[in-house]
Protein backbone atom coordinates (compact mmCIF):
# COMPACT_ATOMS: atom_id res chain seq x y z
CA UNK A 1 0.00 0.00 0.00
CA UNK A 2 1.25 3.47 -0.87
CA UNK A 3 -0.02 6.65 0.75
CA UNK A 4 0.07 10.21 -0.57
CA UNK A 5 0.33 12.83 2.17
CA UNK A 6 -1.26 16.17 1.36
CA UNK A 7 -1.06 19.30 3.44
CA UNK A 8 0.60 22.65 3.77
CA UNK A 9 3.85 23.18 5.61
CA UNK A 10 3.98 26.95 5.32
CA UNK A 11 3.46 27.84 8.98
CA UNK A 12 4.11 26.14 12.32
CA UNK A 13 0.63 24.62 12.70
CA UNK A 14 0.68 23.15 9.19
CA UNK A 15 4.23 21.86 9.58
CA UNK A 16 3.44 20.25 12.94
CA UNK A 17 0.40 18.46 11.47
CA UNK A 18 2.43 17.14 8.54
CA UNK A 19 5.22 15.97 10.82
CA UNK A 20 2.63 14.18 12.98
CA UNK A 21 1.31 12.31 9.93
CA UNK A 22 4.82 11.47 8.70
CA UNK A 23 5.90 10.25 12.16
CA UNK A 24 2.98 7.82 12.35
CA UNK A 25 3.68 6.53 8.85
CA UNK A 26 7.42 6.20 9.58
CA UNK A 27 6.83 4.36 12.86
CA UNK A 28 4.67 1.85 10.99
CA UNK A 29 7.11 1.56 8.06
CA UNK A 30 4.47 2.61 5.54
CA UNK A 31 5.44 3.51 1.98
CA UNK A 32 4.36 7.09 1.30
CA UNK A 33 4.97 10.07 -0.95
CA UNK A 34 5.21 13.47 0.69
CA UNK A 35 5.38 16.53 -1.58
CA UNK A 36 7.00 18.30 1.40
CA UNK A 37 9.83 15.77 1.62
CA UNK A 38 10.14 14.53 -1.94
CA UNK A 39 9.83 17.74 -3.99
CA UNK A 40 12.45 20.44 -3.94
CA UNK A 41 10.54 23.53 -5.03
CA UNK A 42 12.19 26.83 -4.18
CA UNK A 43 11.41 30.43 -5.12
CA UNK A 44 12.99 31.44 -8.41
CA UNK A 45 12.55 28.10 -10.15
CA UNK A 46 11.58 28.15 -13.80
CA UNK A 47 8.04 27.47 -14.96
CA UNK A 48 9.28 24.19 -16.45
CA UNK A 49 10.65 23.10 -13.06
CA UNK A 50 7.34 23.96 -11.35
CA UNK A 51 5.50 22.03 -14.07
CA UNK A 52 7.69 18.99 -13.36
CA UNK A 53 6.77 19.13 -9.66
CA UNK A 54 3.08 19.52 -10.50
CA UNK A 55 3.21 16.54 -12.85
CA UNK A 56 5.06 14.39 -10.33
CA UNK A 57 2.39 15.13 -7.73
CA UNK A 58 -0.36 14.21 -10.21
CA UNK A 59 1.47 11.00 -11.11
CA UNK A 60 1.88 10.13 -7.42
CA UNK A 61 -1.83 10.73 -6.81
CA UNK A 62 -2.60 8.19 -9.53
CA UNK A 63 -0.10 5.68 -8.15
CA UNK A 64 -1.14 5.85 -4.50
CA UNK A 65 -3.79 3.74 -2.83
CA UNK A 66 -5.01 6.34 -0.35
CA UNK A 67 -4.51 9.99 0.56
CA UNK A 68 -4.05 11.33 4.08
CA UNK A 69 -4.62 15.08 4.08
CA UNK A 70 -4.13 17.67 6.78
CA UNK A 71 -6.73 20.42 6.74
CA UNK A 72 -4.70 22.61 9.10
CA UNK A 73 -4.99 26.25 7.95
CA UNK A 74 -6.76 25.31 4.69
CA UNK A 75 -3.92 25.04 2.18
CA UNK A 76 -5.28 25.58 -1.35
CA UNK A 77 -2.94 23.01 -2.93
CA UNK A 78 -4.21 20.40 -0.50
CA UNK A 79 -7.81 21.14 -1.41
CA UNK A 80 -6.91 20.68 -5.10
CA UNK A 81 -5.12 17.39 -4.39
CA UNK A 82 -8.07 16.04 -2.43
CA UNK A 83 -10.60 17.06 -5.06
CA UNK A 84 -8.45 15.49 -7.76
CA UNK A 85 -8.06 12.31 -5.69
CA UNK A 86 -11.82 12.10 -5.20
CA UNK A 87 -12.37 12.53 -8.94
CA UNK A 88 -10.09 9.56 -9.68
CA UNK A 89 -11.78 7.47 -6.96
CA UNK A 90 -8.98 7.46 -4.40
CA UNK A 91 -10.05 7.32 -0.75
CA UNK A 92 -9.16 10.39 1.31
CA UNK A 93 -8.66 10.54 5.07
CA UNK A 94 -8.70 14.06 6.48
CA UNK A 95 -6.60 14.91 9.53
CA UNK A 96 -8.03 17.94 11.35
CA UNK A 97 -6.06 18.28 14.61
CA UNK A 98 -7.42 21.68 15.64
CA UNK A 99 -10.97 21.40 14.34
CA UNK A 100 -13.49 23.61 16.08
CA UNK A 101 -17.08 23.44 14.92
CA UNK A 102 -18.37 21.39 12.02
CA UNK A 103 -16.14 19.86 9.36
CA UNK A 104 -16.71 21.18 5.83
CA UNK A 105 -19.68 19.45 4.15
CA UNK A 106 -18.01 18.76 0.79
CA UNK A 107 -14.88 17.36 2.40
CA UNK A 108 -16.80 15.31 4.96
CA UNK A 109 -19.09 13.70 2.39
CA UNK A 110 -16.21 12.85 0.06
CA UNK A 111 -14.00 11.49 2.86
CA UNK A 112 -13.28 7.93 3.76
CA UNK A 113 -12.67 9.18 7.31
CA UNK A 114 -12.07 12.36 9.31
CA UNK A 115 -9.70 12.24 12.28
């Protein structure tokens, strides 16, 4: 089984959530793809280099068996990845560590699970 981890890492809350997910997967020796760990995007890259990263992420979404996505601070790329995964019939588990109130309707109804 291969897992795709989706989530922002652009502030401390997002980064902490992603590291939590990765730690659990690492401790269970699960095969996973993490855009945070496996892509090397940096400011100033060419459009072609960004396109390569985009395409690799799309390819990895197709190759994975399941997606685990952090909803911490609502990263737009994560929302795209989860919508795309749903469209290609991949199960999505949402990780919402600091959820207060109701979980988003569209995400909840498309999810395999919400944790």
